[in-house]
Amino acid sequence: MRQRLFTQQARLYWIGIVIGVAYGLVARWAFYNPALREFFTVMTCGFIFLIPTSLGYIMLRFVKEPRWWQRLVLPWIPGFILVLTAYAVGWESSLCIVMALPVFMIMGSAGGLLEAITRAKFSERNRFGALIAIVLLPYGVTPLEQLAGLPSQVRRVETQILIDAPVVTVWENIIRVPAIRPEELSFSWVHLIGIPRPVAALLSHEGVGGVRHATFAGGVTFVETIYEWTPQHALAFGTDAVAESMNADELNTRVIVGGAYFDTLEGRYWLEPVSDHELILHLTSEHRLSTRFNFYAGLWTDWIMRSTQNTILKVIKACCENADPL
């Protein structure tokens, strides 16, 4: 086994890995450097998609006659090393790691396949020129992205749950949510990767103009101002995140709620009776997403919002069905 690690072919693998990791570390420094923020930022296609493509290309450039499965898999090795290093030293939160990892894998494999095309079509001299072009491509694309404004998209997430309880009981448990004990919360992947757990929702006064303070673990607070109040039927509110409450340990400060890239806008509960003792409680929300890759980021924000809403609905359901009859 030890001999296999130091064969001529294995040494080429190690060279590709080391150079790939070094390339990734330099990119990480450049794109996170405040002095270069005018030209390079992390929330760009140049960083999210092209850096792992270049990394995959570099890795395969040093492998002699790689097989197709190696072109797909080998680029993951320096990618995993970079991701694990970023997490271990505290450069990135678990949320960002989970969101970035699929892109690193897919685009890294794409880089490995791209290297196969240049190897088959180009001479050795032209392949070296292609390598330089691929390495520098993210640094050429990103400043051009910076010239364009961020595209904004409002996304809507709808969830619902069946509750076996009177309408009046359900209504009382949505306008105010008492302190939620940890054991009342079911397992959710979003909490495992760093999204704060709901804690409580307090109401200043009933009716339009009332303010709900929805709090989450880590001191995260959302101020919800009610603009629709139909007792035992519907409740709607606009949402503002209290920036001072955001805990850097819970949320990545570069993608903070209410920041340039993401914001919650409004939420709405409405009750749909289905029988004398059962109803469907609906919870919908809208959020703003402003990235240059909304097509990808939207998959994650929708999942996070849907999972959070389902957690809240399950808590309300349990409170209602375990409550004493009014």
Protein backbone atom coordinates (compact mmCIF):
# COMPACT_ATOMS: atom_id res chain seq x y z
CA MET A 1 0.00 0.00 0.00
CA ARG A 2 2.81 2.39 0.90
CA GLN A 3 4.57 1.64 -2.39
CA ARG A 4 1.41 2.52 -4.33
CA LEU A 5 1.30 5.93 -2.69
CA PHE A 6 4.75 6.77 -4.06
CA THR A 7 4.66 5.37 -7.58
CA GLN A 8 5.27 7.74 -10.49
CA GLN A 9 1.53 7.92 -11.19
CA ALA A 10 0.75 8.52 -7.51
CA ARG A 11 3.29 11.34 -7.40
CA LEU A 12 1.44 13.01 -10.26
CA TYR A 13 -1.77 12.70 -8.25
CA TRP A 14 -0.10 14.35 -5.27
CA ILE A 15 1.26 17.15 -7.43
CA GLY A 16 -2.21 17.80 -8.83
CA ILE A 17 -3.75 17.79 -5.34
CA VAL A 18 -1.14 20.12 -3.85
CA ILE A 19 -1.31 22.60 -6.72
CA GLY A 20 -5.11 22.42 -6.72
CA VAL A 21 -5.29 23.15 -2.98
CA ALA A 22 -2.78 25.98 -3.36
CA TYR A 23 -4.86 27.47 -6.17
CA GLY A 24 -7.98 27.25 -4.00
CA LEU A 25 -6.27 28.90 -1.03
CA VAL A 26 -5.03 31.79 -3.19
CA ALA A 27 -8.54 32.23 -4.59
CA ARG A 28 -9.97 32.16 -1.09
CA TRP A 29 -7.56 34.92 -0.02
CA ALA A 30 -8.26 37.07 -3.10
CA PHE A 31 -12.04 36.80 -3.05
CA TYR A 32 -12.32 37.40 0.71
CA ASN A 33 -9.77 40.21 0.87
CA PRO A 34 -11.52 43.50 1.84
CA ALA A 35 -8.90 45.47 -0.11
CA LEU A 36 -9.97 43.68 -3.32
CA ARG A 37 -13.72 43.79 -2.70
CA GLU A 38 -14.23 46.22 -5.58
CA PHE A 39 -13.07 43.49 -7.98
CA PHE A 40 -13.67 40.15 -6.27
CA THR A 41 -16.42 38.90 -3.95
CA VAL A 42 -17.53 35.44 -2.93
CA MET A 43 -21.16 35.77 -4.02
CA THR A 44 -20.37 35.64 -7.72
CA CYS A 45 -20.52 32.97 -10.40
CA GLY A 46 -16.81 33.50 -10.91
CA PHE A 47 -16.07 32.22 -7.42
CA ILE A 48 -18.91 29.75 -6.81
CA PHE A 49 -18.79 28.00 -10.20
CA LEU A 50 -15.55 28.83 -12.03
CA ILE A 51 -13.05 28.37 -9.18
CA PRO A 52 -14.00 24.69 -8.66
CA THR A 53 -14.01 24.21 -12.47
CA SER A 54 -10.47 25.55 -12.65
CA LEU A 55 -9.48 23.43 -9.67
CA GLY A 56 -10.77 20.27 -11.37
CA TYR A 57 -8.96 21.17 -14.59
CA ILE A 58 -5.68 21.73 -12.72
CA MET A 59 -5.98 18.41 -10.90
CA LEU A 60 -6.41 16.39 -14.12
CA ARG A 61 -3.74 18.32 -15.97
CA PHE A 62 -1.12 16.44 -13.95
CA VAL A 63 -2.65 12.94 -14.26
CA LYS A 64 -1.24 10.74 -17.02
CA GLU A 65 -3.94 9.05 -19.12
CA PRO A 66 -6.74 9.30 -16.54
CA ARG A 67 -9.83 7.13 -16.82
CA TRP A 68 -13.26 8.75 -17.13
CA TRP A 69 -14.23 7.94 -13.56
CA GLN A 70 -11.02 9.58 -12.39
CA ARG A 71 -11.90 12.75 -14.30
CA LEU A 72 -15.19 12.85 -12.39
CA VAL A 73 -13.91 11.91 -8.94
CA LEU A 74 -10.32 13.11 -8.56
CA PRO A 75 -11.26 16.85 -8.62
CA TRP A 76 -13.27 16.24 -5.46
CA ILE A 77 -10.12 15.52 -3.44
CA PRO A 78 -8.63 19.06 -3.41
CA GLY A 79 -12.18 20.41 -3.16
CA PHE A 80 -12.88 18.38 -0.03
CA ILE A 81 -9.54 19.39 1.46
CA LEU A 82 -10.33 23.08 0.93
CA VAL A 83 -13.86 22.76 2.33
CA LEU A 84 -12.75 20.83 5.40
CA THR A 85 -9.91 23.28 6.01
CA ALA A 86 -12.28 26.25 5.76
CA TYR A 87 -14.62 24.63 8.28
CA ALA A 88 -11.85 23.48 10.65
CA VAL A 89 -10.23 26.90 10.96
CA GLY A 90 -13.57 28.72 11.18
CA TRP A 91 -13.46 30.43 7.79
CA GLU A 92 -16.94 29.17 6.89
CA SER A 93 -20.07 28.09 8.73
CA SER A 94 -21.57 24.63 8.32
CA LEU A 95 -24.44 26.18 6.35
CA CYS A 96 -22.12 27.65 3.71
CA ILE A 97 -20.14 24.42 3.55
CA VAL A 98 -23.25 22.35 2.84
CA MET A 99 -24.50 24.81 0.22
CA ALA A 100 -21.15 25.02 -1.58
CA LEU A 101 -20.19 21.34 -1.55
CA PRO A 102 -22.52 20.14 -4.37
CA VAL A 103 -21.26 22.94 -6.63
CA PHE A 104 -17.64 22.09 -5.85
CA MET A 105 -18.27 18.46 -6.78
CA ILE A 106 -20.26 19.07 -9.98
CA MET A 107 -18.12 21.90 -11.33
CA GLY A 108 -14.92 20.13 -10.30
CA SER A 109 -15.99 17.13 -12.40
CA ALA A 110 -16.84 19.51 -15.25
CA GLY A 111 -13.30 20.85 -15.05
CA GLY A 112 -11.94 17.32 -15.29
CA LEU A 113 -14.03 16.66 -18.41
CA LEU A 114 -12.99 20.00 -19.91
CA GLU A 115 -9.37 18.96 -19.52
CA ALA A 116 -10.14 15.82 -21.55
CA ILE A 117 -11.40 17.98 -24.44
CA THR A 118 -8.31 20.19 -24.50
CA ARG A 119 -6.05 17.16 -24.22
CA ALA A 120 -7.71 15.55 -27.22
CA LYS A 121 -8.00 18.66 -29.41
CA PHE A 122 -4.95 20.78 -28.60
CA SER A 123 -1.21 20.44 -28.97
CA GLU A 124 0.97 20.48 -25.85
CA ARG A 125 1.74 24.16 -26.36
CA ASN A 126 -1.91 25.06 -26.79
CA ARG A 127 -2.86 22.94 -23.79
CA PHE A 128 -0.54 25.05 -21.66
CA GLY A 129 -2.25 28.18 -22.96
CA ALA A 130 -5.64 26.65 -22.16
CA LEU A 131 -4.45 25.90 -18.62
CA ILE A 132 -3.44 29.55 -18.09
CA ALA A 133 -6.78 30.72 -19.50
CA ILE A 134 -8.78 28.40 -17.24
CA VAL A 135 -6.77 29.40 -14.17
CA LEU A 136 -7.31 33.13 -14.82
CA LEU A 137 -10.92 32.91 -16.05
CA PRO A 138 -12.58 33.47 -12.61
CA TYR A 139 -10.44 36.57 -12.11
CA GLY A 140 -11.59 37.97 -15.44
CA VAL A 141 -15.27 37.13 -15.11
CA THR A 142 -15.85 38.33 -11.54
CA PRO A 143 -14.96 42.02 -12.09
CA LEU A 144 -17.39 42.04 -15.03
CA GLU A 145 -20.09 40.62 -12.76
CA GLN A 146 -19.41 43.43 -10.31
CA LEU A 147 -20.37 45.99 -12.96
CA ALA A 148 -23.94 44.65 -13.11
CA GLY A 149 -26.46 45.10 -10.32
CA LEU A 150 -27.73 42.18 -8.31
CA PRO A 151 -30.88 40.60 -9.78
CA SER A 152 -33.70 40.37 -7.23
CA GLN A 153 -36.31 37.65 -7.01
CA VAL A 154 -39.24 37.32 -4.62
CA ARG A 155 -39.89 33.69 -3.76
CA ARG A 156 -42.98 32.26 -2.07
CA VAL A 157 -42.99 29.16 0.13
CA GLU A 158 -46.26 27.46 1.12
CA THR A 159 -46.68 24.87 3.88
CA GLN A 160 -49.64 23.35 5.68
CA ILE A 161 -50.57 20.86 8.39
CA LEU A 162 -53.73 19.05 9.53
CA ILE A 163 -54.68 19.78 13.14
CA ASP A 164 -57.26 17.95 15.24
CA ALA A 165 -58.44 20.85 17.42
CA PRO A 166 -61.11 23.59 17.50
CA VAL A 167 -60.55 26.71 15.41
CA VAL A 168 -60.43 28.94 18.49
CA THR A 169 -57.63 26.85 20.02
CA VAL A 170 -55.56 26.98 16.87
CA TRP A 171 -56.06 30.73 16.55
CA GLU A 172 -54.82 31.35 20.09
CA ASN A 173 -51.72 29.29 19.38
CA ILE A 174 -50.73 31.13 16.22
CA ILE A 175 -51.13 34.72 17.41
CA ARG A 176 -48.82 33.89 20.31
CA VAL A 177 -46.39 30.97 20.51
CA PRO A 178 -45.27 30.31 24.10
CA ALA A 179 -41.67 29.37 24.87
CA ILE A 180 -40.76 26.23 22.96
CA ARG A 181 -38.80 23.60 24.85
CA PRO A 182 -36.01 21.85 22.88
CA GLU A 183 -37.72 18.47 23.38
CA GLU A 184 -40.82 19.81 21.59
CA LEU A 185 -38.88 20.22 18.35
CA SER A 186 -38.54 17.33 15.94
CA PHE A 187 -35.28 16.64 14.13
CA SER A 188 -34.57 18.93 11.19
CA TRP A 189 -31.51 19.04 8.95
CA VAL A 190 -31.62 22.84 8.75
CA HIS A 191 -30.96 23.08 12.49
CA LEU A 192 -28.10 20.63 12.18
CA ILE A 193 -26.32 22.87 9.65
CA GLY A 194 -26.71 26.02 11.73
CA ILE A 195 -30.15 27.53 11.11
CA PRO A 196 -31.44 28.75 14.53
CA ARG A 197 -34.32 26.92 16.19
CA PRO A 198 -37.56 28.80 16.95
CA VAL A 199 -37.94 29.89 20.58
CA ALA A 200 -41.17 31.89 20.96
CA ALA A 201 -43.46 34.51 19.40
CA LEU A 202 -44.88 37.30 21.56
CA LEU A 203 -47.68 39.69 20.53
CA SER A 204 -47.83 43.33 21.67
CA HIS A 205 -51.60 43.65 21.13
CA GLU A 206 -54.29 42.07 19.00
CA GLY A 207 -55.48 43.52 15.72
CA VAL A 208 -53.94 45.35 12.78
CA GLY A 209 -50.82 47.22 13.88
CA GLY A 210 -49.96 44.66 16.53
CA VAL A 211 -46.35 43.50 16.60
CA ARG A 212 -45.15 39.94 17.00
CA HIS A 213 -41.56 39.37 18.12
CA ALA A 214 -40.54 35.96 16.79
CA THR A 215 -37.33 34.88 18.45
CA PHE A 216 -34.93 32.12 17.48
CA ALA A 217 -31.92 30.55 19.17
CA GLY A 218 -28.82 32.69 19.30
CA GLY A 219 -30.78 35.89 19.85
CA VAL A 220 -32.12 36.12 16.29
CA THR A 221 -35.33 38.18 16.31
CA PHE A 222 -37.89 39.00 13.61
CA VAL A 223 -40.27 41.92 14.13
CA GLU A 224 -43.59 41.06 12.48
CA THR A 225 -46.05 43.95 12.06
CA ILE A 226 -49.60 42.74 11.48
CA TYR A 227 -51.45 44.21 8.49
CA GLU A 228 -54.28 41.65 8.22
CA TRP A 229 -56.28 40.42 11.20
CA THR A 230 -59.38 38.27 10.71
CA PRO A 231 -60.02 36.46 14.00
CA GLN A 232 -60.05 32.68 13.73
CA HIS A 233 -59.42 32.89 9.99
CA ALA A 234 -56.30 34.78 8.83
CA LEU A 235 -53.25 36.61 10.15
CA ALA A 236 -50.69 38.34 7.91
CA PHE A 237 -47.64 40.41 8.76
CA GLY A 238 -44.61 42.13 7.27
CA THR A 239 -41.25 40.95 8.56
CA ASP A 240 -38.13 42.86 9.56
CA ALA A 241 -35.03 41.20 10.92
CA VAL A 242 -33.38 42.93 13.86
CA ALA A 243 -29.82 43.20 12.57
CA GLU A 244 -28.33 43.71 16.02
CA SER A 245 -29.72 40.36 17.12
CA MET A 246 -27.91 38.34 14.51
CA ASN A 247 -25.33 36.06 16.07
CA ALA A 248 -22.30 35.38 13.87
CA ASP A 249 -22.07 31.89 15.33
CA GLU A 250 -25.54 31.09 14.02
CA LEU A 251 -25.66 32.92 10.70
CA ASN A 252 -22.92 33.59 8.19
CA THR A 253 -22.40 37.36 8.27
CA ARG A 254 -21.92 37.55 4.53
CA VAL A 255 -25.45 36.24 3.89
CA ILE A 256 -27.24 37.87 6.80
CA VAL A 257 -31.02 38.21 6.85
CA GLY A 258 -31.91 41.73 5.73
CA GLY A 259 -28.60 42.13 3.90
CA ALA A 260 -27.82 42.59 0.23
CA TYR A 261 -28.42 38.95 -0.72
CA PHE A 262 -31.39 37.75 1.33
CA ASP A 263 -34.32 39.13 3.30
CA THR A 264 -37.61 37.89 4.69
CA LEU A 265 -40.59 39.98 3.56
CA GLU A 266 -43.88 38.72 4.96
CA GLY A 267 -45.79 35.76 6.32
CA ARG A 268 -49.41 34.68 6.48
CA TYR A 269 -51.37 32.11 8.49
CA TRP A 270 -54.85 31.09 7.44
CA LEU A 271 -57.20 28.44 8.77
CA GLU A 272 -59.19 26.10 6.54
CA PRO A 273 -61.83 24.08 8.46
CA VAL A 274 -62.41 20.57 7.08
CA SER A 275 -64.80 19.27 9.76
CA ASP A 276 -66.21 20.20 13.17
CA HIS A 277 -62.99 19.17 14.91
CA GLU A 278 -60.28 19.34 12.22
CA LEU A 279 -58.72 22.08 10.14
CA ILE A 280 -55.77 22.70 7.87
CA LEU A 281 -53.43 25.42 9.06
CA HIS A 282 -51.62 27.11 6.17
CA LEU A 283 -48.41 29.11 6.57
CA THR A 284 -46.95 30.97 3.60
CA SER A 285 -43.97 33.31 3.43
CA GLU A 286 -42.18 35.48 0.92
CA HIS A 287 -38.49 36.23 0.85
CA ARG A 288 -36.19 38.26 -1.38
CA LEU A 289 -33.20 36.60 -2.98
CA SER A 290 -30.57 38.77 -4.68
CA THR A 291 -27.63 36.76 -5.99
CA ARG A 292 -26.11 36.20 -9.40
CA PHE A 293 -27.07 32.54 -9.11
CA ASN A 294 -30.66 32.69 -7.84
CA PHE A 295 -31.41 29.53 -9.83
CA TYR A 296 -29.19 27.62 -7.37
CA ALA A 297 -29.45 29.68 -4.19
CA GLY A 298 -33.26 29.58 -4.45
CA LEU A 299 -33.26 25.81 -4.02
CA TRP A 300 -31.56 26.27 -0.65
CA THR A 301 -33.56 29.26 0.61
CA ASP A 302 -36.83 27.54 -0.31
CA TRP A 303 -35.73 24.40 1.52
CA ILE A 304 -34.63 26.34 4.59
CA MET A 305 -37.85 28.38 4.74
CA ARG A 306 -40.02 25.31 4.15
CA SER A 307 -38.23 23.31 6.84
CA THR A 308 -38.45 26.19 9.33
CA GLN A 309 -42.15 26.67 8.62
CA ASN A 310 -42.85 22.95 8.97
CA THR A 311 -41.08 22.97 12.34
CA ILE A 312 -43.26 25.86 13.53
CA LEU A 313 -46.44 24.17 12.26
CA LYS A 314 -45.57 20.93 14.06
CA VAL A 315 -45.07 22.84 17.33
CA ILE A 316 -48.42 24.59 16.91
CA LYS A 317 -50.12 21.28 16.10
CA ALA A 318 -48.72 19.63 19.23
CA CYS A 319 -49.72 22.58 21.43
CA CYS A 320 -53.26 22.61 20.01
CA GLU A 321 -53.89 18.89 20.18
CA ASN A 322 -52.51 18.64 23.73
CA ALA A 323 -54.30 21.75 25.02
CA ASP A 324 -57.19 21.55 27.45
CA PRO A 325 -60.57 22.23 25.82
CA LEU A 326 -61.53 25.91 25.97
